[in-house]
C-alpha atoms as a PDB file:
ATOM      1  CA  MET A   1     113.038 104.577 131.827  1.00  0.00           C
ATOM      2  CA  ALA A   2     112.122 106.888 128.994  1.00  0.00           C
ATOM      3  CA  ILE A   3     114.512 107.204 126.070  1.00  0.00           C
ATOM      4  CA  TYR A   4     115.494 109.987 123.698  1.00  0.00           C
ATOM      5  CA  LEU A   5     115.965 109.142 120.011  1.00  0.00           C
ATOM      6  CA  THR A   6     117.747 111.366 117.489  1.00  0.00           C
ATOM      7  CA  GLU A   7     117.066 111.781 113.783  1.00  0.00           C
ATOM      8  CA  ALA A   8     119.988 109.454 113.065  1.00  0.00           C
ATOM      9  CA  ASP A   9     118.512 106.832 115.386  1.00  0.00           C
ATOM     10  CA  VAL A  10     115.181 106.984 113.556  1.00  0.00           C
ATOM     11  CA  GLU A  11     116.791 106.683 110.122  1.00  0.00           C
ATOM     12  CA  ASN A  12     118.799 103.658 111.285  1.00  0.00           C
ATOM     13  CA  LEU A  13     115.810 101.893 112.839  1.00  0.00           C
ATOM     14  CA  VAL A  14     113.075 102.189 110.195  1.00  0.00           C
ATOM     15  CA  ASP A  15     112.322 102.982 106.580  1.00  0.00           C
ATOM     16  CA  VAL A  16     109.339 103.895 104.392  1.00  0.00           C
ATOM     17  CA  ASN A  17     108.317 100.264 103.936  1.00  0.00           C
ATOM     18  CA  ASP A  18     108.069  99.886 107.713  1.00  0.00           C
ATOM     19  CA  ALA A  19     105.899 102.988 107.847  1.00  0.00           C
ATOM     20  CA  ILE A  20     103.537 101.652 105.180  1.00  0.00           C
ATOM     21  CA  GLY A  21     103.017  98.483 107.202  1.00  0.00           C
ATOM     22  CA  VAL A  22     102.188 100.199 110.483  1.00  0.00           C
ATOM     23  CA  LEU A  23      99.921 102.780 108.825  1.00  0.00           C
ATOM     24  CA  GLU A  24      97.960 100.004 107.117  1.00  0.00           C
ATOM     25  CA  ALA A  25      97.423  98.436 110.540  1.00  0.00           C
ATOM     26  CA  ALA A  26      96.527 101.739 112.206  1.00  0.00           C
ATOM     27  CA  PHE A  27      93.996 102.740 109.560  1.00  0.00           C
ATOM     28  CA  ALA A  28      92.445  99.286 109.804  1.00  0.00           C
ATOM     29  CA  GLU A  29      91.377 100.437 113.298  1.00  0.00           C
ATOM     30  CA  TRP A  30      90.151 103.879 112.214  1.00  0.00           C
ATOM     31  CA  GLY A  31      86.772 104.582 113.828  1.00  0.00           C
ATOM     32  CA  GLN A  32      86.910 101.566 116.110  1.00  0.00           C
ATOM     33  CA  GLY A  33      88.801 100.248 119.096  1.00  0.00           C
ATOM     34  CA  GLY A  34      89.121 103.685 120.669  1.00  0.00           C
ATOM     35  CA  ALA A  35      91.669 105.029 118.163  1.00  0.00           C
ATOM     36  CA  ALA A  36      91.256 108.809 118.092  1.00  0.00           C
ATOM     37  CA  ASN A  37      92.903 111.696 116.275  1.00  0.00           C
ATOM     38  CA  LEU A  38      93.103 115.339 117.352  1.00  0.00           C
ATOM     39  CA  PRO A  39      93.448 117.587 114.286  1.00  0.00           C
ATOM     40  CA  ARG A  40      96.424 119.937 114.119  1.00  0.00           C
ATOM     41  CA  GLN A  41      96.240 123.035 116.275  1.00  0.00           C
ATOM     42  CA  ARG A  42      98.321 126.145 115.647  1.00  0.00           C
ATOM     43  CA  LEU A  43      99.491 128.274 118.564  1.00  0.00           C
ATOM     44  CA  ALA A  44     100.539 131.772 117.542  1.00  0.00           C
ATOM     45  CA  LEU A  45     103.991 133.012 118.527  1.00  0.00           C
ATOM     46  CA  PRO A  46     105.368 136.541 118.077  1.00  0.00           C
ATOM     47  CA  GLU A  47     106.818 135.635 114.671  1.00  0.00           C
ATOM     48  CA  ARG A  48     105.556 132.172 113.684  1.00  0.00           C
ATOM     49  CA  ALA A  49     103.253 129.464 115.042  1.00  0.00           C
ATOM     50  CA  VAL A  50     103.737 126.228 116.927  1.00  0.00           C
ATOM     51  CA  ASN A  51     101.944 123.226 115.419  1.00  0.00           C
ATOM     52  CA  ILE A  52     100.525 120.686 117.867  1.00  0.00           C
ATOM     53  CA  MET A  53      98.810 117.385 117.017  1.00  0.00           C
ATOM     54  CA  ALA A  54      97.894 114.305 119.058  1.00  0.00           C
ATOM     55  CA  ALA A  55      96.308 110.863 118.777  1.00  0.00           C
ATOM     56  CA  SER A  56      95.707 107.656 120.698  1.00  0.00           C
ATOM     57  CA  LEU A  57      96.078 104.039 119.608  1.00  0.00           C
ATOM     58  CA  PRO A  58      94.724 101.939 122.483  1.00  0.00           C
ATOM     59  CA  SER A  59      95.308  98.620 120.694  1.00  0.00           C
ATOM     60  CA  ALA A  60      99.041  99.388 120.908  1.00  0.00           C
ATOM     61  CA  GLY A  61      98.715 100.795 124.411  1.00  0.00           C
ATOM     62  CA  VAL A  62      99.980 104.247 123.482  1.00  0.00           C
ATOM     63  CA  PHE A  63      99.125 107.839 122.762  1.00  0.00           C
ATOM     64  CA  GLY A  64     101.317 110.738 121.819  1.00  0.00           C
ATOM     65  CA  HIS A  65     101.699 114.232 120.476  1.00  0.00           C
ATOM     66  CA  LYS A  66     103.961 116.057 118.068  1.00  0.00           C
ATOM     67  CA  VAL A  67     105.121 119.652 118.415  1.00  0.00           C
ATOM     68  CA  TYR A  68     106.960 121.411 115.621  1.00  0.00           C
ATOM     69  CA  PHE A  69     107.972 124.892 114.503  1.00  0.00           C
ATOM     70  CA  SER A  70     110.750 126.540 112.486  1.00  0.00           C
ATOM     71  CA  GLY A  71     112.236 123.227 111.366  1.00  0.00           C
ATOM     72  CA  PHE A  72     112.232 121.637 114.840  1.00  0.00           C
ATOM     73  CA  PHE A  73     110.097 118.488 115.256  1.00  0.00           C
ATOM     74  CA  ILE A  74     109.671 116.431 118.434  1.00  0.00           C
ATOM     75  CA  PHE A  75     107.281 113.554 119.106  1.00  0.00           C
ATOM     76  CA  THR A  76     106.484 112.343 122.620  1.00  0.00           C
ATOM     77  CA  LEU A  77     105.136 108.809 123.084  1.00  0.00           C
ATOM     78  CA  TYR A  78     103.290 107.722 126.243  1.00  0.00           C
ATOM     79  CA  SER A  79     102.108 104.436 127.733  1.00  0.00           C
ATOM     80  CA  ILE A  80      98.376 104.487 128.453  1.00  0.00           C
ATOM     81  CA  ALA A  81      98.459 101.722 131.080  1.00  0.00           C
ATOM     82  CA  ASP A  82     101.604 102.887 132.873  1.00  0.00           C
ATOM     83  CA  ARG A  83     100.794 106.607 132.597  1.00  0.00           C
ATOM     84  CA  ARG A  84     104.362 107.536 131.725  1.00  0.00           C
ATOM     85  CA  ILE A  85     106.551 108.822 128.928  1.00  0.00           C
ATOM     86  CA  LEU A  86     108.103 106.091 126.822  1.00  0.00           C
ATOM     87  CA  ALA A  87     110.154 108.199 124.440  1.00  0.00           C
ATOM     88  CA  MET A  88     110.912 111.610 123.014  1.00  0.00           C
ATOM     89  CA  ILE A  89     111.758 111.261 119.337  1.00  0.00           C
ATOM     90  CA  GLU A  90     113.231 113.844 116.961  1.00  0.00           C
ATOM     91  CA  ALA A  91     110.583 113.708 114.280  1.00  0.00           C
ATOM     92  CA  ALA A  92     111.589 115.258 110.953  1.00  0.00           C
ATOM     93  CA  ALA A  93     112.519 111.886 109.423  1.00  0.00           C
ATOM     94  CA  LEU A  94     109.608 110.214 111.206  1.00  0.00           C
ATOM     95  CA  GLY A  95     107.223 112.745 109.661  1.00  0.00           C
ATOM     96  CA  ALA A  96     108.668 112.504 106.163  1.00  0.00           C
ATOM     97  CA  MET A  97     108.497 108.714 106.165  1.00  0.00           C
ATOM     98  CA  ARG A  98     104.991 108.462 107.587  1.00  0.00           C
ATOM     99  CA  THR A  99     103.663 111.068 105.135  1.00  0.00           C
ATOM    100  CA  GLY A 100     105.221 109.168 102.273  1.00  0.00           C
ATOM    101  CA  ALA A 101     103.694 105.994 103.679  1.00  0.00           C
ATOM    102  CA  ALA A 102     100.198 107.515 103.781  1.00  0.00           C
ATOM    103  CA  SER A 103     100.503 108.221 100.062  1.00  0.00           C
ATOM    104  CA  GLY A 104     101.724 104.659  99.587  1.00  0.00           C
ATOM    105  CA  VAL A 105      98.630 103.310 101.353  1.00  0.00           C
ATOM    106  CA  ALA A 106      96.343 105.547  99.270  1.00  0.00           C
ATOM    107  CA  THR A 107      98.136 104.672  96.033  1.00  0.00           C
ATOM    108  CA  ARG A 108      97.772 100.952  96.779  1.00  0.00           C
ATOM    109  CA  ARG A 109      94.006 101.434  97.134  1.00  0.00           C
ATOM    110  CA  LEU A 110      93.328 103.940  94.360  1.00  0.00           C
ATOM    111  CA  ALA A 111      95.917 103.815  91.568  1.00  0.00           C
ATOM    112  CA  ARG A 112      95.496 101.494  88.599  1.00  0.00           C
ATOM    113  CA  ALA A 113      97.093  98.107  89.162  1.00  0.00           C
ATOM    114  CA  ASP A 114      99.270  98.627  86.086  1.00  0.00           C
ATOM    115  CA  ALA A 115     100.418 102.159  87.024  1.00  0.00           C
ATOM    116  CA  ALA A 116     104.136 102.323  86.227  1.00  0.00           C
ATOM    117  CA  THR A 117     105.038 105.991  85.688  1.00  0.00           C
ATOM    118  CA  CYS A 118     105.092 108.876  88.152  1.00  0.00           C
ATOM    119  CA  GLY A 119     105.543 112.633  87.957  1.00  0.00           C
ATOM    120  CA  LEU A 120     106.699 114.375  91.135  1.00  0.00           C
ATOM    121  CA  ILE A 121     106.622 118.121  91.698  1.00  0.00           C
ATOM    122  CA  GLY A 122     108.873 118.963  94.624  1.00  0.00           C
ATOM    123  CA  ALA A 123     112.435 117.732  95.186  1.00  0.00           C
ATOM    124  CA  GLY A 124     112.817 118.021  98.949  1.00  0.00           C
ATOM    125  CA  ARG A 125     112.977 115.436 101.746  1.00  0.00           C
ATOM    126  CA  GLN A 126     109.246 114.819 101.440  1.00  0.00           C
ATOM    127  CA  GLY A 127     109.468 114.267  97.695  1.00  0.00           C
ATOM    128  CA  TRP A 128     112.087 111.596  98.331  1.00  0.00           C
ATOM    129  CA  THR A 129     109.913 109.550 100.687  1.00  0.00           C
ATOM    130  CA  GLN A 130     106.854 110.066  98.501  1.00  0.00           C
ATOM    131  CA  LEU A 131     108.529 108.509  95.496  1.00  0.00           C
ATOM    132  CA  LEU A 132     109.977 105.665  97.579  1.00  0.00           C
ATOM    133  CA  ALA A 133     106.529 104.874  99.002  1.00  0.00           C
ATOM    134  CA  VAL A 134     104.795 104.925  95.623  1.00  0.00           C
ATOM    135  CA  HIS A 135     107.522 102.709  94.174  1.00  0.00           C
ATOM    136  CA  ALA A 136     106.991 100.271  97.062  1.00  0.00           C
ATOM    137  CA  VAL A 137     103.326  99.694  96.147  1.00  0.00           C
ATOM    138  CA  ARG A 138     103.423 100.250  92.371  1.00  0.00           C
ATOM    139  CA  PRO A 139     106.874  99.296  91.048  1.00  0.00           C
ATOM    140  CA  LEU A 140     107.792 102.130  88.704  1.00  0.00           C
ATOM    141  CA  GLU A 141     109.420 101.867  85.317  1.00  0.00           C
ATOM    142  CA  ARG A 142     109.908 105.593  84.841  1.00  0.00           C
ATOM    143  CA  ALA A 143     109.582 108.801  86.861  1.00  0.00           C
ATOM    144  CA  ALA A 144     110.077 112.519  86.393  1.00  0.00           C
ATOM    145  CA  VAL A 145     110.725 115.257  88.920  1.00  0.00           C
ATOM    146  CA  TYR A 146     110.368 119.018  88.695  1.00  0.00           C
ATOM    147  CA  SER A 147     111.404 121.802  91.038  1.00  0.00           C
ATOM    148  CA  ARG A 148     112.132 125.416  90.186  1.00  0.00           C
ATOM    149  CA  ASN A 149     115.869 125.005  90.726  1.00  0.00           C
ATOM    150  CA  ARG A 150     117.494 123.031  87.903  1.00  0.00           C
ATOM    151  CA  GLU A 151     120.442 121.838  89.968  1.00  0.00           C
ATOM    152  CA  THR A 152     118.134 120.653  92.760  1.00  0.00           C
ATOM    153  CA  ARG A 153     115.933 118.593  90.453  1.00  0.00           C
ATOM    154  CA  GLU A 154     118.887 117.120  88.580  1.00  0.00           C
ATOM    155  CA  THR A 155     120.603 116.101  91.822  1.00  0.00           C
ATOM    156  CA  PHE A 156     117.351 114.620  93.116  1.00  0.00           C
ATOM    157  CA  ALA A 157     116.754 112.664  89.903  1.00  0.00           C
ATOM    158  CA  ALA A 158     120.248 111.195  89.935  1.00  0.00           C
ATOM    159  CA  GLY A 159     120.048 110.230  93.605  1.00  0.00           C
ATOM    160  CA  MET A 160     116.608 108.662  93.319  1.00  0.00           C
ATOM    161  CA  ALA A 161     117.605 106.710  90.222  1.00  0.00           C
ATOM    162  CA  ALA A 162     120.656 105.365  92.049  1.00  0.00           C
ATOM    163  CA  GLU A 163     118.585 104.291  95.072  1.00  0.00           C
ATOM    164  CA  THR A 164     115.663 102.712  93.214  1.00  0.00           C
ATOM    165  CA  GLY A 165     117.067 101.598  89.872  1.00  0.00           C
ATOM    166  CA  VAL A 166     114.206 103.475  88.195  1.00  0.00           C
ATOM    167  CA  GLU A 167     114.788 105.830  85.269  1.00  0.00           C
ATOM    168  CA  VAL A 168     114.209 109.303  86.765  1.00  0.00           C
ATOM    169  CA  GLU A 169     114.197 112.387  84.532  1.00  0.00           C
ATOM    170  CA  ALA A 170     114.625 115.986  85.639  1.00  0.00           C
ATOM    171  CA  ALA A 171     111.734 117.672  83.813  1.00  0.00           C
ATOM    172  CA  ASP A 172     111.980 121.210  82.456  1.00  0.00           C
ATOM    173  CA  SER A 173     108.493 122.252  83.632  1.00  0.00           C
ATOM    174  CA  ALA A 174     105.708 121.157  85.959  1.00  0.00           C
ATOM    175  CA  GLU A 175     103.460 120.441  82.995  1.00  0.00           C
ATOM    176  CA  ALA A 176     106.067 118.256  81.292  1.00  0.00           C
ATOM    177  CA  CYS A 177     106.529 116.403  84.563  1.00  0.00           C
ATOM    178  CA  VAL A 178     102.813 115.646  84.966  1.00  0.00           C
ATOM    179  CA  ARG A 179     101.386 115.058  81.489  1.00  0.00           C
ATOM    180  CA  GLY A 180     100.868 111.412  80.589  1.00  0.00           C
ATOM    181  CA  MET A 181     101.910 110.050  84.004  1.00  0.00           C
ATOM    182  CA  ASP A 182      99.965 107.263  85.723  1.00  0.00           C
ATOM    183  CA  ILE A 183     100.637 108.735  89.176  1.00  0.00           C
ATOM    184  CA  VAL A 184     101.184 112.399  90.022  1.00  0.00           C
ATOM    185  CA  ILE A 185     102.585 113.707  93.315  1.00  0.00           C
ATOM    186  CA  ALA A 186     102.652 117.318  94.482  1.00  0.00           C
ATOM    187  CA  ALA A 187     104.934 117.797  97.503  1.00  0.00           C
ATOM    188  CA  THR A 188     105.557 121.547  97.629  1.00  0.00           C
ATOM    189  CA  ASN A 189     104.987 124.556  99.877  1.00  0.00           C
ATOM    190  CA  ALA A 190     103.099 126.373  97.121  1.00  0.00           C
ATOM    191  CA  ALA A 191     100.406 128.934  97.867  1.00  0.00           C
ATOM    192  CA  GLU A 192      98.981 128.696  94.334  1.00  0.00           C
ATOM    193  CA  PRO A 193      98.242 125.618  92.183  1.00  0.00           C
ATOM    194  CA  VAL A 194     101.145 123.735  90.648  1.00  0.00           C
ATOM    195  CA  VAL A 195      99.030 120.916  89.140  1.00  0.00           C
ATOM    196  CA  PHE A 196      96.169 121.685  86.754  1.00  0.00           C
ATOM    197  CA  GLY A 197      93.254 119.487  85.822  1.00  0.00           C
ATOM    198  CA  ASP A 198      93.756 119.680  82.083  1.00  0.00           C
ATOM    199  CA  TRP A 199      97.247 118.164  82.505  1.00  0.00           C
ATOM    200  CA  LEU A 200      95.856 114.927  83.952  1.00  0.00           C
ATOM    201  CA  ALA A 201      95.460 111.920  81.684  1.00  0.00           C
ATOM    202  CA  PRO A 202      92.462 109.596  82.110  1.00  0.00           C
ATOM    203  CA  GLY A 203      93.243 107.008  84.783  1.00  0.00           C
ATOM    204  CA  THR A 204      95.707 109.173  86.733  1.00  0.00           C
ATOM    205  CA  HIS A 205      96.019 108.905  90.491  1.00  0.00           C
ATOM    206  CA  VAL A 206      97.070 112.113  92.293  1.00  0.00           C
ATOM    207  CA  ASN A 207      98.668 112.457  95.734  1.00  0.00           C
ATOM    208  CA  ALA A 208      98.503 116.104  96.872  1.00  0.00           C
ATOM    209  CA  VAL A 209     100.795 116.274  99.878  1.00  0.00           C
ATOM    210  CA  GLY A 210     102.363 119.647 100.535  1.00  0.00           C
ATOM    211  CA  ALA A 211      99.507 122.035 101.323  1.00  0.00           C
ATOM    212  CA  ASN A 212      98.171 121.492 104.853  1.00  0.00           C
ATOM    213  CA  ALA A 213      96.877 124.963 105.692  1.00  0.00           C
ATOM    214  CA  TYR A 214      94.122 127.129 104.250  1.00  0.00           C
ATOM    215  CA  ALA A 215      96.638 129.644 102.894  1.00  0.00           C
ATOM    216  CA  ARG A 216      98.244 126.968 100.689  1.00  0.00           C
ATOM    217  CA  ARG A 217      97.090 124.859  97.757  1.00  0.00           C
ATOM    218  CA  GLU A 218      98.683 122.721  95.046  1.00  0.00           C
ATOM    219  CA  LEU A 219      95.738 121.802  92.775  1.00  0.00           C
ATOM    220  CA  ASP A 220      93.372 123.945  90.762  1.00  0.00           C
ATOM    221  CA  ASP A 221      89.618 123.406  90.948  1.00  0.00           C
ATOM    222  CA  ALA A 222      89.581 121.431  87.700  1.00  0.00           C
ATOM    223  CA  ALA A 223      91.987 118.832  89.095  1.00  0.00           C
ATOM    224  CA  VAL A 224      89.627 118.214  92.010  1.00  0.00           C
ATOM    225  CA  LEU A 225      86.439 118.254  89.940  1.00  0.00           C
ATOM    226  CA  ARG A 226      87.845 115.798  87.387  1.00  0.00           C
ATOM    227  CA  ALA A 227      88.457 113.216  90.102  1.00  0.00           C
ATOM    228  CA  ASP A 228      85.967 110.346  90.291  1.00  0.00           C
ATOM    229  CA  ILE A 229      87.163 109.463  93.815  1.00  0.00           C
ATOM    230  CA  LEU A 230      88.259 112.004  96.414  1.00  0.00           C
ATOM    231  CA  ALA A 231      89.971 110.858  99.610  1.00  0.00           C
ATOM    232  CA  THR A 232      91.844 112.292 102.568  1.00  0.00           C
ATOM    233  CA  ASP A 233      93.354 110.924 105.777  1.00  0.00           C
ATOM    234  CA  ASP A 234      90.921 112.710 108.127  1.00  0.00           C
ATOM    235  CA  ARG A 235      87.818 114.552 106.920  1.00  0.00           C
ATOM    236  CA  ALA A 236      87.553 116.634 110.094  1.00  0.00           C
ATOM    237  CA  GLN A 237      91.085 117.939 109.628  1.00  0.00           C
ATOM    238  CA  ALA A 238      90.446 118.520 105.925  1.00  0.00           C
ATOM    239  CA  LYS A 239      87.596 120.874 106.788  1.00  0.00           C
ATOM    240  CA  THR A 240      90.095 123.334 108.264  1.00  0.00           C
ATOM    241  CA  GLU A 241      93.227 122.643 106.183  1.00  0.00           C
ATOM    242  CA  ALA A 242      92.381 121.341 102.691  1.00  0.00           C
ATOM    243  CA  ARG A 243      91.926 124.555 100.710  1.00  0.00           C
ATOM    244  CA  GLU A 244      91.282 122.631  97.489  1.00  0.00           C
ATOM    245  CA  PHE A 245      88.258 120.964  99.119  1.00  0.00           C
ATOM    246  CA  ILE A 246      87.072 123.815 101.359  1.00  0.00           C
ATOM    247  CA  ASP A 247      86.552 126.366  98.593  1.00  0.00           C
ATOM    248  CA  LEU A 248      84.689 123.918  96.353  1.00  0.00           C
ATOM    249  CA  ALA A 249      82.537 122.631  99.223  1.00  0.00           C
ATOM    250  CA  ASP A 250      81.607 126.191 100.188  1.00  0.00           C
ATOM    251  CA  ALA A 251      80.643 126.885  96.578  1.00  0.00           C
ATOM    252  CA  GLY A 252      78.568 123.702  96.315  1.00  0.00           C
ATOM    253  CA  GLY A 253      80.934 122.052  93.842  1.00  0.00           C
ATOM    254  CA  ILE A 254      81.643 119.032  96.053  1.00  0.00           C
ATOM    255  CA  ASP A 255      80.037 117.491  99.141  1.00  0.00           C
ATOM    256  CA  TRP A 256      82.075 116.623 102.214  1.00  0.00           C
ATOM    257  CA  ASP A 257      80.155 113.362 102.577  1.00  0.00           C
ATOM    258  CA  ASP A 258      81.520 112.252  99.206  1.00  0.00           C
ATOM    259  CA  ILE A 259      85.140 112.534 100.360  1.00  0.00           C
ATOM    260  CA  ALA A 260      86.421 109.160 101.566  1.00  0.00           C
ATOM    261  CA  GLU A 261      88.748 108.698 104.509  1.00  0.00           C
ATOM    262  CA  LEU A 262      91.875 106.573 104.283  1.00  0.00           C
ATOM    263  CA  GLY A 263      90.618 104.356 107.093  1.00  0.00           C
ATOM    264  CA  GLY A 264      87.524 103.493 105.097  1.00  0.00           C
ATOM    265  CA  LEU A 265      89.604 102.641 102.041  1.00  0.00           C
ATOM    266  CA  VAL A 266      91.838 100.331 104.088  1.00  0.00           C
ATOM    267  CA  GLN A 267      88.840  98.672 105.743  1.00  0.00           C
ATOM    268  CA  GLY A 268      87.203  98.063 102.371  1.00  0.00           C
ATOM    269  CA  HIS A 269      84.052 100.115 102.782  1.00  0.00           C
ATOM    270  CA  GLY A 270      85.169 103.208 100.894  1.00  0.00           C
ATOM    271  CA  PRO A 271      84.809 103.854  97.151  1.00  0.00           C
ATOM    272  CA  GLN A 272      86.739 101.552  94.844  1.00  0.00           C
ATOM    273  CA  ARG A 273      88.238 102.222  91.432  1.00  0.00           C
ATOM    274  CA  THR A 274      85.872 100.662  88.886  1.00  0.00           C
ATOM    275  CA  GLY A 275      87.434 101.745  85.607  1.00  0.00           C
ATOM    276  CA  ALA A 276      90.840 102.276  84.046  1.00  0.00           C
ATOM    277  CA  ASP A 277      89.953 105.834  82.984  1.00  0.00           C
ATOM    278  CA  GLN A 278      88.883 107.064  86.416  1.00  0.00           C
ATOM    279  CA  ILE A 279      90.938 109.827  88.000  1.00  0.00           C
ATOM    280  CA  THR A 280      91.506 109.443  91.741  1.00  0.00           C
ATOM    281  CA  LEU A 281      92.801 111.980  94.259  1.00  0.00           C
ATOM    282  CA  PHE A 282      94.264 111.607  97.736  1.00  0.00           C
ATOM    283  CA  LYS A 283      94.582 114.863  99.655  1.00  0.00           C
ATOM    284  CA  SER A 284      97.195 114.127 102.324  1.00  0.00           C
ATOM    285  CA  LEU A 285      97.249 116.331 105.402  1.00  0.00           C
ATOM    286  CA  GLY A 286      99.412 114.301 107.772  1.00  0.00           C
ATOM    287  CA  ILE A 287      97.624 113.267 110.948  1.00  0.00           C
ATOM    288  CA  ALA A 288      98.807 112.372 114.419  1.00  0.00           C
ATOM    289  CA  LEU A 289      97.438 108.817 114.265  1.00  0.00           C
ATOM    290  CA  GLU A 290     100.112 108.129 111.661  1.00  0.00           C
ATOM    291  CA  ASP A 291     102.793 109.558 113.958  1.00  0.00           C
ATOM    292  CA  VAL A 292     101.672 107.499 116.953  1.00  0.00           C
ATOM    293  CA  ALA A 293     101.600 104.209 115.049  1.00  0.00           C
ATOM    294  CA  PHE A 294     105.019 104.784 113.520  1.00  0.00           C
ATOM    295  CA  ALA A 295     106.547 106.107 116.745  1.00  0.00           C
ATOM    296  CA  LYS A 296     105.487 102.930 118.575  1.00  0.00           C
ATOM    297  CA  LEU A 297     107.357 100.795 116.040  1.00  0.00           C
ATOM    298  CA  ILE A 298     110.428 103.036 116.330  1.00  0.00           C
ATOM    299  CA  TYR A 299     110.292 102.807 120.119  1.00  0.00           C
ATOM    300  CA  ASP A 300     109.928  99.007 120.114  1.00  0.00           C
ATOM    301  CA  ARG A 301     112.916  98.593 117.803  1.00  0.00           C
ATOM    302  CA  ALA A 302     114.994 101.019 119.836  1.00  0.00           C
ATOM    303  CA  VAL A 303     114.297  99.118 123.054  1.00  0.00           C
ATOM    304  CA  ALA A 304     115.039  95.768 121.409  1.00  0.00           C
ATOM    305  CA  GLY A 305     118.299  97.096 120.005  1.00  0.00           C
ATOM    306  CA  GLY A 306     119.411  99.093 123.025  1.00  0.00           C
ATOM    307  CA  VAL A 307     119.275 102.328 121.023  1.00  0.00           C
ATOM    308  CA  GLY A 308     118.671 105.774 122.495  1.00  0.00           C
ATOM    309  CA  ILE A 309     119.677 107.997 125.374  1.00  0.00           C
ATOM    310  CA  THR A 310     118.121 107.134 128.738  1.00  0.00           C
ATOM    311  CA  MET A 311     116.361 110.136 130.258  1.00  0.00           C
ATOM    312  CA  ASN A 312     116.939 109.681 133.986  1.00  0.00           C
ATOM    313  CA  GLY A 313     114.222 110.958 136.258  1.00  0.00           C
ATOM    314  CA  LEU A 314     111.372 110.576 133.743  1.00  0.00           C
ATOM    315  CA  LYS A 315     108.823 107.905 134.620  1.00  0.00           C
END
């Protein structure tokens, strides 16, 4: 029978390190084995929009879709062979962990091997999993966080330091947070840039995470143009959502063919860092393939542990 899993169930079953592992495996199949991703669609409602995204992972025998709006997230996982629902999973924590994990995968491939400092702009749930994922692949010695609310950033810094053992500073400005850092993360809902190219030191790796719609952006043009390697999780989705890339591509400043996909980086046929001074950029959009791979792991652990609410009548 199908099962229903709550946010608490998800948080008890998996963590960011688990998500990094399954995303590595999923992106190793990108473009082969029938794995397919349907870019996010937005269905207009009277006041807001419903976001819908779907993907298949035949090697794991599953496909699924996520629907979310106004803070409500639900992921539905299906068996391909049995043609039935396996699980409905509350997906806010799932989404935060898998998005953090995607940045972890990109950071493992693109950041300098000796990267040990990180500046994070954004102190929400997503910022938390971003910093955990980066720390998992590049053990940090020091980090800084900035958000507009002083109390929020100070609370975040203290909590993250307690969880990781890393020195985490609450920075007084976005610029102070970013300058001189080996890794920079933007995880905001900003409509205008919060990271500027002239703040980036040679050798920096940037994860731009928060802006996944044309009306939003976190980086100025200079930050993109200074990057020696540009990457995203899905180029097709980036062509409708990645404002930082779309505007420059339309103006002839960058070429879509020069933007690597995360699957290519994982499979070893994408661009590689060749120098310590190169700046690299991962534009994260969050794609359904990541959700499907992670949801399958959550489902398997739930079944093994007898976790979840049985949904009688669903086959």
